[in-house]
Amino acid sequence: MQLIFGDPYYDSENWDKNQYLNEIEEMLTEYDESLQLHQVNTGHSADFPAILVELFDSLDWKVVSASSVAGIFMLGAQINKNLEAWISIGTKLSLLIKKCKPTRVSEDAAICWVIHELSSQEVFLQDLDIRLQVVQFSEGPCKSNLKLEANPDCLYIITAQTKNKVFVYGIKSNLKVEFKNEFDTAWHEF
């Protein structure tokens, strides 16, 4: 999972590019001790130094990270096999977002956010089927092997289907929920 945090000290007097990196590392180590930090540039027309954080690698993100190539994918079996882990990571991520306010998040972070959102609404999540479509807007200013730095501006369309309901979220990579719809799957509700 990747999160980007804009450096609030940039353009300040005596700016030290490592100051915010050290602060972020100290803040986020409580969430994941094996996190990795990278200094990146996310400014589209001017430099905007930021910190890209990779964390929560305890889950298998391979299925998620391969998704942008295909555009749409299903996570039913992978989600259900590790549902408790996804909910736990989603809870930690939600707390982290409230505390640290990242400027951009990757699609796996958005999926975790949706799973947390649904579990906090006490939606029955067994047999959950998640589908994702990633709509990329402009490319980032830098060519990068770090996916979120290379494509920081995206819309994630996440469909979560349970036995009785379908939830459709449109979430920007800045975690702004553009739309959310809920549908009952019963034939008489169609």
N, C-alpha and C. Protein backbone atom coordinates (compact mmCIF):
# COMPACT_ATOMS: atom_id res chain seq x y z
N MET A 1 0.85 -1.16 0.00
CA MET A 1 0.00 0.00 0.00
C MET A 1 0.90 1.23 0.00
N GLN A 2 0.53 2.21 -0.79
CA GLN A 2 1.32 3.44 -0.86
C GLN A 2 0.46 4.65 -0.49
N LEU A 3 1.06 5.54 0.29
CA LEU A 3 0.45 6.81 0.67
C LEU A 3 1.46 7.91 0.40
N ILE A 4 0.98 9.06 -0.04
CA ILE A 4 1.86 10.21 -0.24
C ILE A 4 1.46 11.31 0.74
N PHE A 5 2.48 11.89 1.37
CA PHE A 5 2.29 13.01 2.29
C PHE A 5 3.09 14.20 1.78
N GLY A 6 2.41 15.31 1.51
CA GLY A 6 3.10 16.52 1.08
C GLY A 6 3.94 17.08 2.22
N ASP A 7 5.12 17.59 1.91
CA ASP A 7 6.02 18.13 2.92
C ASP A 7 5.53 19.53 3.32
N PRO A 8 5.00 19.68 4.55
CA PRO A 8 4.48 20.99 4.97
C PRO A 8 5.56 22.04 5.21
N TYR A 9 6.81 21.61 5.29
CA TYR A 9 7.90 22.55 5.57
C TYR A 9 8.55 23.10 4.32
N TYR A 10 8.18 22.55 3.17
CA TYR A 10 8.78 23.01 1.92
C TYR A 10 8.53 24.50 1.75
N ASP A 11 9.51 25.19 1.26
CA ASP A 11 9.49 26.66 1.06
C ASP A 11 9.59 27.44 2.36
N SER A 12 9.82 26.77 3.49
CA SER A 12 10.01 27.50 4.74
C SER A 12 11.49 27.82 4.90
N GLU A 13 11.77 28.77 5.73
CA GLU A 13 13.15 29.17 5.97
C GLU A 13 13.92 28.01 6.60
N ASN A 14 15.12 27.79 6.15
CA ASN A 14 15.99 26.70 6.64
C ASN A 14 15.35 25.32 6.44
N TRP A 15 14.69 25.14 5.32
CA TRP A 15 14.03 23.85 5.04
C TRP A 15 15.06 22.74 4.99
N ASP A 16 14.77 21.67 5.69
CA ASP A 16 15.59 20.46 5.68
C ASP A 16 14.73 19.33 5.13
N LYS A 17 15.11 18.78 3.98
CA LYS A 17 14.27 17.78 3.33
C LYS A 17 14.10 16.51 4.17
N ASN A 18 14.94 16.29 5.16
CA ASN A 18 14.81 15.10 6.00
C ASN A 18 13.93 15.32 7.24
N GLN A 19 13.60 16.56 7.55
CA GLN A 19 12.83 16.84 8.76
C GLN A 19 11.47 16.14 8.73
N TYR A 20 10.71 16.33 7.67
CA TYR A 20 9.39 15.72 7.60
C TYR A 20 9.48 14.21 7.41
N LEU A 21 10.49 13.76 6.70
CA LEU A 21 10.71 12.33 6.53
C LEU A 21 10.85 11.66 7.90
N ASN A 22 11.66 12.27 8.76
CA ASN A 22 11.86 11.72 10.11
C ASN A 22 10.58 11.76 10.94
N GLU A 23 9.81 12.85 10.81
CA GLU A 23 8.56 12.95 11.55
C GLU A 23 7.55 11.90 11.11
N ILE A 24 7.42 11.74 9.79
CA ILE A 24 6.48 10.74 9.24
C ILE A 24 6.88 9.34 9.69
N GLU A 25 8.17 9.06 9.62
CA GLU A 25 8.63 7.73 10.04
C GLU A 25 8.29 7.48 11.50
N GLU A 26 8.52 8.46 12.35
CA GLU A 26 8.22 8.31 13.77
C GLU A 26 6.71 8.12 14.00
N MET A 27 5.88 8.90 13.27
CA MET A 27 4.43 8.80 13.42
C MET A 27 3.88 7.46 12.95
N LEU A 28 4.39 6.97 11.82
CA LEU A 28 3.79 5.80 11.18
C LEU A 28 4.37 4.46 11.63
N THR A 29 5.48 4.48 12.32
CA THR A 29 6.08 3.23 12.79
C THR A 29 5.14 2.48 13.72
N GLU A 30 4.28 3.20 14.44
CA GLU A 30 3.31 2.53 15.32
C GLU A 30 2.29 1.72 14.53
N TYR A 31 2.07 2.07 13.26
CA TYR A 31 1.13 1.34 12.42
C TYR A 31 1.79 0.15 11.73
N ASP A 32 3.06 0.33 11.34
CA ASP A 32 3.77 -0.74 10.64
C ASP A 32 5.27 -0.49 10.80
N GLU A 33 5.92 -1.37 11.55
CA GLU A 33 7.35 -1.18 11.83
C GLU A 33 8.23 -1.40 10.61
N SER A 34 7.72 -2.10 9.60
CA SER A 34 8.55 -2.39 8.42
C SER A 34 8.24 -1.47 7.25
N LEU A 35 7.69 -0.30 7.53
CA LEU A 35 7.36 0.63 6.44
C LEU A 35 8.62 1.11 5.73
N GLN A 36 8.43 1.53 4.49
CA GLN A 36 9.53 2.09 3.70
C GLN A 36 9.14 3.51 3.29
N LEU A 37 10.10 4.41 3.33
CA LEU A 37 9.85 5.80 2.97
C LEU A 37 10.72 6.21 1.79
N HIS A 38 10.13 7.03 0.91
CA HIS A 38 10.85 7.52 -0.26
C HIS A 38 10.57 9.01 -0.42
N GLN A 39 11.61 9.77 -0.71
CA GLN A 39 11.39 11.18 -1.03
C GLN A 39 11.00 11.27 -2.50
N VAL A 40 9.87 11.92 -2.78
CA VAL A 40 9.34 12.01 -4.14
C VAL A 40 8.98 13.46 -4.45
N ASN A 41 8.66 13.69 -5.71
CA ASN A 41 8.24 15.01 -6.16
C ASN A 41 6.88 14.86 -6.84
N THR A 42 5.85 15.50 -6.31
CA THR A 42 4.51 15.35 -6.86
C THR A 42 3.98 16.63 -7.51
N GLY A 43 4.81 17.63 -7.64
CA GLY A 43 4.34 18.88 -8.25
C GLY A 43 4.20 18.75 -9.74
N HIS A 44 3.05 19.15 -10.28
CA HIS A 44 2.81 19.04 -11.72
C HIS A 44 3.46 20.18 -12.51
N SER A 45 3.49 21.38 -11.94
CA SER A 45 4.09 22.49 -12.68
C SER A 45 5.28 23.10 -11.95
N ALA A 46 5.47 22.72 -10.71
CA ALA A 46 6.61 23.19 -9.92
C ALA A 46 6.96 22.09 -8.93
N ASP A 47 8.15 22.16 -8.37
CA ASP A 47 8.54 21.15 -7.39
C ASP A 47 7.61 21.16 -6.19
N PHE A 48 7.21 20.00 -5.78
CA PHE A 48 6.46 19.84 -4.54
C PHE A 48 6.95 18.55 -3.88
N PRO A 49 8.00 18.68 -3.04
CA PRO A 49 8.55 17.50 -2.37
C PRO A 49 7.51 16.85 -1.47
N ALA A 50 7.54 15.53 -1.46
CA ALA A 50 6.61 14.77 -0.64
C ALA A 50 7.31 13.49 -0.19
N ILE A 51 6.64 12.80 0.71
CA ILE A 51 7.13 11.52 1.21
C ILE A 51 6.14 10.44 0.78
N LEU A 52 6.63 9.44 0.05
CA LEU A 52 5.81 8.30 -0.31
C LEU A 52 6.13 7.19 0.68
N VAL A 53 5.08 6.66 1.30
CA VAL A 53 5.24 5.62 2.32
C VAL A 53 4.64 4.33 1.80
N GLU A 54 5.40 3.25 1.89
CA GLU A 54 4.90 1.92 1.58
C GLU A 54 4.73 1.19 2.91
N LEU A 55 3.51 0.72 3.16
CA LEU A 55 3.27 0.04 4.43
C LEU A 55 2.22 -1.05 4.28
N PHE A 56 2.03 -1.80 5.34
CA PHE A 56 1.09 -2.92 5.42
C PHE A 56 1.38 -3.98 4.36
N ASP A 57 2.63 -4.32 4.20
CA ASP A 57 2.99 -5.35 3.23
C ASP A 57 2.71 -6.75 3.75
N SER A 58 2.09 -6.86 4.94
CA SER A 58 1.76 -8.18 5.48
C SER A 58 0.65 -8.86 4.69
N LEU A 59 -0.15 -8.07 3.97
CA LEU A 59 -1.16 -8.66 3.08
C LEU A 59 -0.56 -8.87 1.70
N ASP A 60 -1.12 -9.77 0.96
CA ASP A 60 -0.65 -10.03 -0.40
C ASP A 60 -1.33 -9.04 -1.35
N TRP A 61 -0.58 -8.01 -1.76
CA TRP A 61 -1.13 -6.95 -2.60
C TRP A 61 -0.94 -7.26 -4.08
N LYS A 62 -0.34 -8.41 -4.43
CA LYS A 62 -0.04 -8.69 -5.84
C LYS A 62 -1.29 -8.64 -6.71
N VAL A 63 -2.38 -9.18 -6.23
CA VAL A 63 -3.62 -9.18 -7.01
C VAL A 63 -4.09 -7.74 -7.23
N VAL A 64 -3.95 -6.92 -6.20
CA VAL A 64 -4.39 -5.53 -6.29
C VAL A 64 -3.47 -4.74 -7.22
N SER A 65 -2.17 -4.86 -7.04
CA SER A 65 -1.26 -4.04 -7.83
C SER A 65 -1.25 -4.41 -9.30
N ALA A 66 -1.64 -5.61 -9.64
CA ALA A 66 -1.72 -6.01 -11.05
C ALA A 66 -2.98 -5.47 -11.71
N SER A 67 -3.87 -4.89 -10.91
CA SER A 67 -5.18 -4.51 -11.42
C SER A 67 -5.16 -3.39 -12.44
N SER A 68 -4.25 -2.46 -12.32
CA SER A 68 -4.31 -1.31 -13.22
C SER A 68 -4.04 -1.70 -14.66
N VAL A 69 -3.35 -2.80 -14.87
CA VAL A 69 -3.12 -3.26 -16.23
C VAL A 69 -4.44 -3.74 -16.85
N ALA A 70 -5.17 -4.55 -16.09
CA ALA A 70 -6.43 -5.08 -16.60
C ALA A 70 -7.58 -4.08 -16.45
N GLY A 71 -7.46 -3.16 -15.52
CA GLY A 71 -8.51 -2.19 -15.30
C GLY A 71 -9.55 -2.67 -14.30
N ILE A 72 -10.02 -3.89 -14.44
CA ILE A 72 -11.05 -4.42 -13.55
C ILE A 72 -10.60 -5.80 -13.07
N PHE A 73 -10.87 -6.11 -11.82
CA PHE A 73 -10.52 -7.43 -11.31
C PHE A 73 -11.45 -7.81 -10.17
N MET A 74 -11.42 -9.07 -9.79
CA MET A 74 -12.20 -9.57 -8.66
C MET A 74 -11.26 -9.99 -7.55
N LEU A 75 -11.65 -9.69 -6.32
CA LEU A 75 -10.87 -10.09 -5.17
C LEU A 75 -11.64 -11.02 -4.23
N GLY A 76 -12.75 -11.55 -4.66
CA GLY A 76 -13.61 -12.35 -3.78
C GLY A 76 -12.86 -13.34 -2.92
N ALA A 77 -12.17 -14.29 -3.52
CA ALA A 77 -11.48 -15.33 -2.75
C ALA A 77 -10.39 -14.74 -1.87
N GLN A 78 -9.58 -13.83 -2.43
CA GLN A 78 -8.49 -13.25 -1.65
C GLN A 78 -9.02 -12.42 -0.48
N ILE A 79 -10.09 -11.67 -0.69
CA ILE A 79 -10.67 -10.88 0.39
C ILE A 79 -11.23 -11.81 1.46
N ASN A 80 -12.03 -12.78 1.07
CA ASN A 80 -12.70 -13.63 2.05
C ASN A 80 -11.73 -14.50 2.83
N LYS A 81 -10.64 -14.93 2.20
CA LYS A 81 -9.65 -15.75 2.89
C LYS A 81 -8.98 -14.95 4.00
N ASN A 82 -8.80 -13.66 3.79
CA ASN A 82 -8.10 -12.80 4.74
C ASN A 82 -8.99 -11.65 5.22
N LEU A 83 -10.30 -11.87 5.31
CA LEU A 83 -11.24 -10.79 5.63
C LEU A 83 -10.88 -10.09 6.94
N GLU A 84 -10.55 -10.85 7.96
CA GLU A 84 -10.20 -10.24 9.25
C GLU A 84 -8.97 -9.35 9.10
N ALA A 85 -7.99 -9.80 8.32
CA ALA A 85 -6.78 -8.99 8.11
C ALA A 85 -7.13 -7.70 7.36
N TRP A 86 -7.99 -7.81 6.32
CA TRP A 86 -8.39 -6.62 5.56
C TRP A 86 -9.12 -5.63 6.47
N ILE A 87 -10.01 -6.14 7.32
CA ILE A 87 -10.75 -5.26 8.24
C ILE A 87 -9.79 -4.62 9.23
N SER A 88 -8.84 -5.39 9.75
CA SER A 88 -7.85 -4.85 10.68
C SER A 88 -7.00 -3.76 10.02
N ILE A 89 -6.52 -4.04 8.81
CA ILE A 89 -5.72 -3.05 8.09
C ILE A 89 -6.58 -1.82 7.79
N GLY A 90 -7.84 -2.04 7.39
CA GLY A 90 -8.75 -0.92 7.11
C GLY A 90 -8.97 -0.04 8.33
N THR A 91 -9.08 -0.65 9.50
CA THR A 91 -9.25 0.12 10.74
C THR A 91 -8.00 0.94 11.04
N LYS A 92 -6.83 0.29 10.92
CA LYS A 92 -5.58 1.02 11.14
C LYS A 92 -5.42 2.16 10.13
N LEU A 93 -5.74 1.88 8.88
CA LEU A 93 -5.63 2.89 7.84
C LEU A 93 -6.56 4.07 8.11
N SER A 94 -7.77 3.79 8.53
CA SER A 94 -8.73 4.85 8.83
C SER A 94 -8.20 5.76 9.95
N LEU A 95 -7.64 5.16 10.99
CA LEU A 95 -7.06 5.95 12.08
C LEU A 95 -5.86 6.76 11.58
N LEU A 96 -5.04 6.13 10.76
CA LEU A 96 -3.87 6.81 10.20
C LEU A 96 -4.29 8.00 9.34
N ILE A 97 -5.31 7.83 8.52
CA ILE A 97 -5.78 8.91 7.65
C ILE A 97 -6.30 10.08 8.47
N LYS A 98 -7.05 9.80 9.53
CA LYS A 98 -7.55 10.87 10.39
C LYS A 98 -6.41 11.63 11.06
N LYS A 99 -5.38 10.89 11.45
CA LYS A 99 -4.27 11.49 12.18
C LYS A 99 -3.30 12.24 11.26
N CYS A 100 -2.95 11.64 10.12
CA CYS A 100 -1.85 12.16 9.30
C CYS A 100 -2.27 12.82 7.99
N LYS A 101 -3.46 12.57 7.52
CA LYS A 101 -4.01 13.17 6.31
C LYS A 101 -3.08 13.11 5.09
N PRO A 102 -2.96 11.92 4.48
CA PRO A 102 -2.13 11.82 3.27
C PRO A 102 -2.76 12.61 2.12
N THR A 103 -1.93 13.04 1.17
CA THR A 103 -2.44 13.79 0.02
C THR A 103 -2.90 12.86 -1.09
N ARG A 104 -2.35 11.65 -1.18
CA ARG A 104 -2.74 10.67 -2.19
C ARG A 104 -2.64 9.27 -1.59
N VAL A 105 -3.50 8.36 -2.07
CA VAL A 105 -3.46 6.97 -1.63
C VAL A 105 -3.55 6.06 -2.85
N SER A 106 -3.01 4.87 -2.74
CA SER A 106 -3.06 3.88 -3.82
C SER A 106 -4.41 3.17 -3.79
N GLU A 107 -4.68 2.38 -4.83
CA GLU A 107 -5.98 1.70 -4.94
C GLU A 107 -6.20 0.69 -3.83
N ASP A 108 -5.15 0.02 -3.35
CA ASP A 108 -5.33 -0.92 -2.26
C ASP A 108 -5.72 -0.21 -0.97
N ALA A 109 -5.21 1.01 -0.78
CA ALA A 109 -5.63 1.81 0.38
C ALA A 109 -7.10 2.19 0.25
N ALA A 110 -7.54 2.53 -0.95
CA ALA A 110 -8.95 2.88 -1.17
C ALA A 110 -9.84 1.66 -0.91
N ILE A 111 -9.40 0.48 -1.34
CA ILE A 111 -10.18 -0.74 -1.09
C ILE A 111 -10.27 -0.99 0.41
N CYS A 112 -9.15 -0.86 1.12
CA CYS A 112 -9.17 -1.05 2.58
C CYS A 112 -10.11 -0.04 3.24
N TRP A 113 -10.09 1.19 2.75
CA TRP A 113 -10.97 2.22 3.29
C TRP A 113 -12.43 1.81 3.11
N VAL A 114 -12.78 1.31 1.93
CA VAL A 114 -14.16 0.88 1.66
C VAL A 114 -14.54 -0.29 2.56
N ILE A 115 -13.66 -1.27 2.71
CA ILE A 115 -13.95 -2.41 3.58
C ILE A 115 -14.17 -1.94 5.01
N HIS A 116 -13.33 -1.01 5.47
CA HIS A 116 -13.52 -0.46 6.82
C HIS A 116 -14.85 0.27 6.91
N GLU A 117 -15.16 1.06 5.92
CA GLU A 117 -16.43 1.81 5.89
C GLU A 117 -17.62 0.86 6.00
N LEU A 118 -17.60 -0.21 5.21
CA LEU A 118 -18.70 -1.18 5.24
C LEU A 118 -18.77 -1.92 6.57
N SER A 119 -17.62 -2.33 7.10
CA SER A 119 -17.63 -3.06 8.37
C SER A 119 -18.08 -2.15 9.52
N SER A 120 -17.76 -0.87 9.46
CA SER A 120 -18.20 0.05 10.51
C SER A 120 -19.70 0.33 10.42
N GLN A 121 -20.30 0.10 9.24
CA GLN A 121 -21.75 0.21 9.08
C GLN A 121 -22.43 -1.13 9.39
N GLU A 122 -21.64 -2.09 9.85
CA GLU A 122 -22.09 -3.43 10.22
C GLU A 122 -22.73 -4.17 9.05
N VAL A 123 -22.16 -3.95 7.85
CA VAL A 123 -22.58 -4.71 6.68
C VAL A 123 -21.98 -6.10 6.81
N PHE A 124 -22.77 -7.13 6.57
CA PHE A 124 -22.29 -8.51 6.64
C PHE A 124 -21.38 -8.75 5.43
N LEU A 125 -20.10 -8.99 5.68
CA LEU A 125 -19.10 -9.02 4.61
C LEU A 125 -18.70 -10.40 4.12
N GLN A 126 -19.29 -11.46 4.66
CA GLN A 126 -18.94 -12.78 4.15
C GLN A 126 -19.32 -12.87 2.68
N ASP A 127 -18.55 -13.62 1.91
CA ASP A 127 -18.76 -13.76 0.47
C ASP A 127 -18.72 -12.41 -0.25
N LEU A 128 -17.83 -11.57 0.19
CA LEU A 128 -17.65 -10.24 -0.40
C LEU A 128 -16.92 -10.36 -1.73
N ASP A 129 -17.43 -9.68 -2.73
CA ASP A 129 -16.80 -9.64 -4.04
C ASP A 129 -16.45 -8.17 -4.32
N ILE A 130 -15.18 -7.89 -4.47
CA ILE A 130 -14.71 -6.53 -4.72
C ILE A 130 -14.22 -6.44 -6.15
N ARG A 131 -14.63 -5.41 -6.83
CA ARG A 131 -14.15 -5.13 -8.19
C ARG A 131 -13.65 -3.69 -8.21
N LEU A 132 -12.60 -3.49 -8.97
CA LEU A 132 -11.96 -2.18 -9.02
C LEU A 132 -11.72 -1.77 -10.46
N GLN A 133 -12.00 -0.53 -10.75
CA GLN A 133 -11.60 0.07 -12.02
C GLN A 133 -10.78 1.30 -11.66
N VAL A 134 -9.60 1.41 -12.22
CA VAL A 134 -8.73 2.55 -11.97
C VAL A 134 -8.77 3.45 -13.20
N VAL A 135 -9.22 4.68 -13.00
CA VAL A 135 -9.24 5.67 -14.08
C VAL A 135 -8.10 6.63 -13.78
N GLN A 136 -7.06 6.59 -14.61
CA GLN A 136 -5.91 7.46 -14.38
C GLN A 136 -6.11 8.79 -15.07
N PHE A 137 -5.83 9.84 -14.34
CA PHE A 137 -5.86 11.17 -14.92
C PHE A 137 -4.45 11.48 -15.40
N SER A 138 -3.98 12.67 -15.23
CA SER A 138 -2.66 13.02 -15.73
C SER A 138 -1.57 12.23 -15.01
N GLU A 139 -0.49 11.96 -15.74
CA GLU A 139 0.65 11.28 -15.14
C GLU A 139 1.35 12.23 -14.18
N GLY A 140 2.10 11.66 -13.26
CA GLY A 140 2.88 12.47 -12.34
C GLY A 140 4.01 13.17 -13.08
N PRO A 141 4.66 14.12 -12.45
CA PRO A 141 5.71 14.87 -13.11
C PRO A 141 7.01 14.09 -13.32
N CYS A 142 7.15 12.96 -12.61
CA CYS A 142 8.39 12.18 -12.68
C CYS A 142 8.11 10.77 -13.15
N LYS A 143 9.01 10.25 -13.99
CA LYS A 143 8.97 8.82 -14.28
C LYS A 143 9.47 8.13 -13.02
N SER A 144 8.76 7.10 -12.59
CA SER A 144 9.11 6.48 -11.33
C SER A 144 8.68 5.02 -11.32
N ASN A 145 9.43 4.21 -10.59
CA ASN A 145 9.03 2.83 -10.34
C ASN A 145 8.00 2.75 -9.22
N LEU A 146 7.83 3.85 -8.50
CA LEU A 146 6.83 3.91 -7.44
C LEU A 146 5.49 4.29 -8.09
N LYS A 147 4.59 3.35 -8.12
CA LYS A 147 3.35 3.49 -8.88
C LYS A 147 2.57 4.77 -8.55
N LEU A 148 2.45 5.11 -7.27
CA LEU A 148 1.66 6.27 -6.89
C LEU A 148 2.36 7.58 -7.24
N GLU A 149 3.68 7.59 -7.25
CA GLU A 149 4.39 8.80 -7.69
C GLU A 149 4.21 8.98 -9.20
N ALA A 150 4.26 7.89 -9.96
CA ALA A 150 4.13 7.96 -11.41
C ALA A 150 2.72 8.35 -11.83
N ASN A 151 1.70 7.92 -11.08
CA ASN A 151 0.30 8.21 -11.39
C ASN A 151 -0.46 8.59 -10.12
N PRO A 152 -0.22 9.80 -9.61
CA PRO A 152 -0.84 10.16 -8.33
C PRO A 152 -2.32 10.54 -8.43
N ASP A 153 -2.79 10.92 -9.61
CA ASP A 153 -4.16 11.42 -9.75
C ASP A 153 -5.04 10.41 -10.45
N CYS A 154 -5.85 9.71 -9.66
CA CYS A 154 -6.71 8.64 -10.18
C CYS A 154 -8.09 8.72 -9.55
N LEU A 155 -9.02 8.07 -10.23
CA LEU A 155 -10.34 7.82 -9.67
C LEU A 155 -10.46 6.31 -9.54
N TYR A 156 -10.78 5.85 -8.34
CA TYR A 156 -10.97 4.43 -8.09
C TYR A 156 -12.47 4.17 -8.01
N ILE A 157 -12.97 3.35 -8.90
CA ILE A 157 -14.38 2.96 -8.86
C ILE A 157 -14.40 1.56 -8.26
N ILE A 158 -14.93 1.47 -7.06
CA ILE A 158 -14.90 0.23 -6.29
C ILE A 158 -16.33 -0.27 -6.11
N THR A 159 -16.55 -1.50 -6.55
CA THR A 159 -17.85 -2.15 -6.38
C THR A 159 -17.67 -3.27 -5.37
N ALA A 160 -18.45 -3.22 -4.31
CA ALA A 160 -18.41 -4.26 -3.27
C ALA A 160 -19.78 -4.92 -3.24
N GLN A 161 -19.80 -6.22 -3.53
CA GLN A 161 -21.06 -6.94 -3.57
C GLN A 161 -21.11 -7.98 -2.45
N THR A 162 -22.17 -7.93 -1.67
CA THR A 162 -22.44 -8.94 -0.66
C THR A 162 -23.62 -9.77 -1.16
N LYS A 163 -24.11 -10.66 -0.32
CA LYS A 163 -25.22 -11.50 -0.74
C LYS A 163 -26.47 -10.68 -1.06
N ASN A 164 -26.71 -9.62 -0.32
CA ASN A 164 -27.96 -8.86 -0.46
C ASN A 164 -27.81 -7.44 -0.98
N LYS A 165 -26.59 -6.95 -1.07
CA LYS A 165 -26.38 -5.54 -1.43
C LYS A 165 -25.22 -5.39 -2.39
N VAL A 166 -25.26 -4.28 -3.14
CA VAL A 166 -24.13 -3.87 -3.97
C VAL A 166 -23.86 -2.41 -3.60
N PHE A 167 -22.59 -2.13 -3.30
CA PHE A 167 -22.16 -0.78 -2.97
C PHE A 167 -21.18 -0.33 -4.05
N VAL A 168 -21.37 0.88 -4.58
CA VAL A 168 -20.48 1.40 -5.60
C VAL A 168 -19.93 2.73 -5.10
N TYR A 169 -18.60 2.79 -5.03
CA TYR A 169 -17.92 4.00 -4.57
C TYR A 169 -17.07 4.57 -5.70
N GLY A 170 -17.06 5.87 -5.82
CA GLY A 170 -16.12 6.58 -6.68
C GLY A 170 -15.25 7.42 -5.78
N ILE A 171 -13.99 7.02 -5.64
CA ILE A 171 -13.08 7.67 -4.70
C ILE A 171 -11.86 8.16 -5.45
N LYS A 172 -11.55 9.44 -5.32
CA LYS A 172 -10.34 9.99 -5.92
C LYS A 172 -9.14 9.54 -5.09
N SER A 173 -7.97 9.58 -5.68
CA SER A 173 -6.76 9.17 -4.95
C SER A 173 -6.44 10.12 -3.80
N ASN A 174 -7.11 11.28 -3.73
CA ASN A 174 -6.95 12.15 -2.57
C ASN A 174 -7.96 11.80 -1.48
N LEU A 175 -8.64 10.66 -1.63
CA LEU A 175 -9.65 10.10 -0.73
C LEU A 175 -10.94 10.90 -0.66
N LYS A 176 -11.19 11.73 -1.66
CA LYS A 176 -12.47 12.42 -1.73
C LYS A 176 -13.48 11.46 -2.35
N VAL A 177 -14.56 11.21 -1.62
CA VAL A 177 -15.61 10.33 -2.13
C VAL A 177 -16.48 11.15 -3.07
N GLU A 178 -16.40 10.84 -4.35
CA GLU A 178 -17.16 11.57 -5.36
C GLU A 178 -18.60 11.06 -5.45
N PHE A 179 -18.78 9.76 -5.26
CA PHE A 179 -20.13 9.21 -5.23
C PHE A 179 -20.13 7.90 -4.47
N LYS A 180 -21.30 7.59 -3.95
CA LYS A 180 -21.51 6.34 -3.23
C LYS A 180 -22.96 5.94 -3.46
N ASN A 181 -23.16 4.74 -3.93
CA ASN A 181 -24.51 4.23 -4.15
C ASN A 181 -24.65 2.86 -3.51
N GLU A 182 -25.86 2.57 -3.08
CA GLU A 182 -26.17 1.28 -2.47
C GLU A 182 -27.39 0.71 -3.17
N PHE A 183 -27.31 -0.56 -3.55
CA PHE A 183 -28.41 -1.21 -4.25
C PHE A 183 -28.77 -2.51 -3.55
N ASP A 184 -30.04 -2.78 -3.46
CA ASP A 184 -30.52 -4.05 -2.95
C ASP A 184 -30.53 -5.02 -4.13
N THR A 185 -30.11 -6.27 -3.91
CA THR A 185 -30.02 -7.23 -5.02
C THR A 185 -31.29 -8.05 -5.20
N ALA A 186 -32.29 -7.86 -4.37
CA ALA A 186 -33.53 -8.64 -4.50
C ALA A 186 -34.24 -8.25 -5.79
N TRP A 187 -34.81 -9.23 -6.47
CA TRP A 187 -35.44 -8.99 -7.77
C TRP A 187 -36.57 -7.96 -7.66
N HIS A 188 -37.29 -7.95 -6.53
CA HIS A 188 -38.41 -7.01 -6.41
C HIS A 188 -37.94 -5.58 -6.12
N GLU A 189 -36.67 -5.39 -5.81
CA GLU A 189 -36.11 -4.05 -5.62
C GLU A 189 -35.50 -3.51 -6.91
N PHE A 190 -35.33 -4.37 -7.89
CA PHE A 190 -34.72 -3.95 -9.16
C PHE A 190 -35.70 -3.09 -9.91
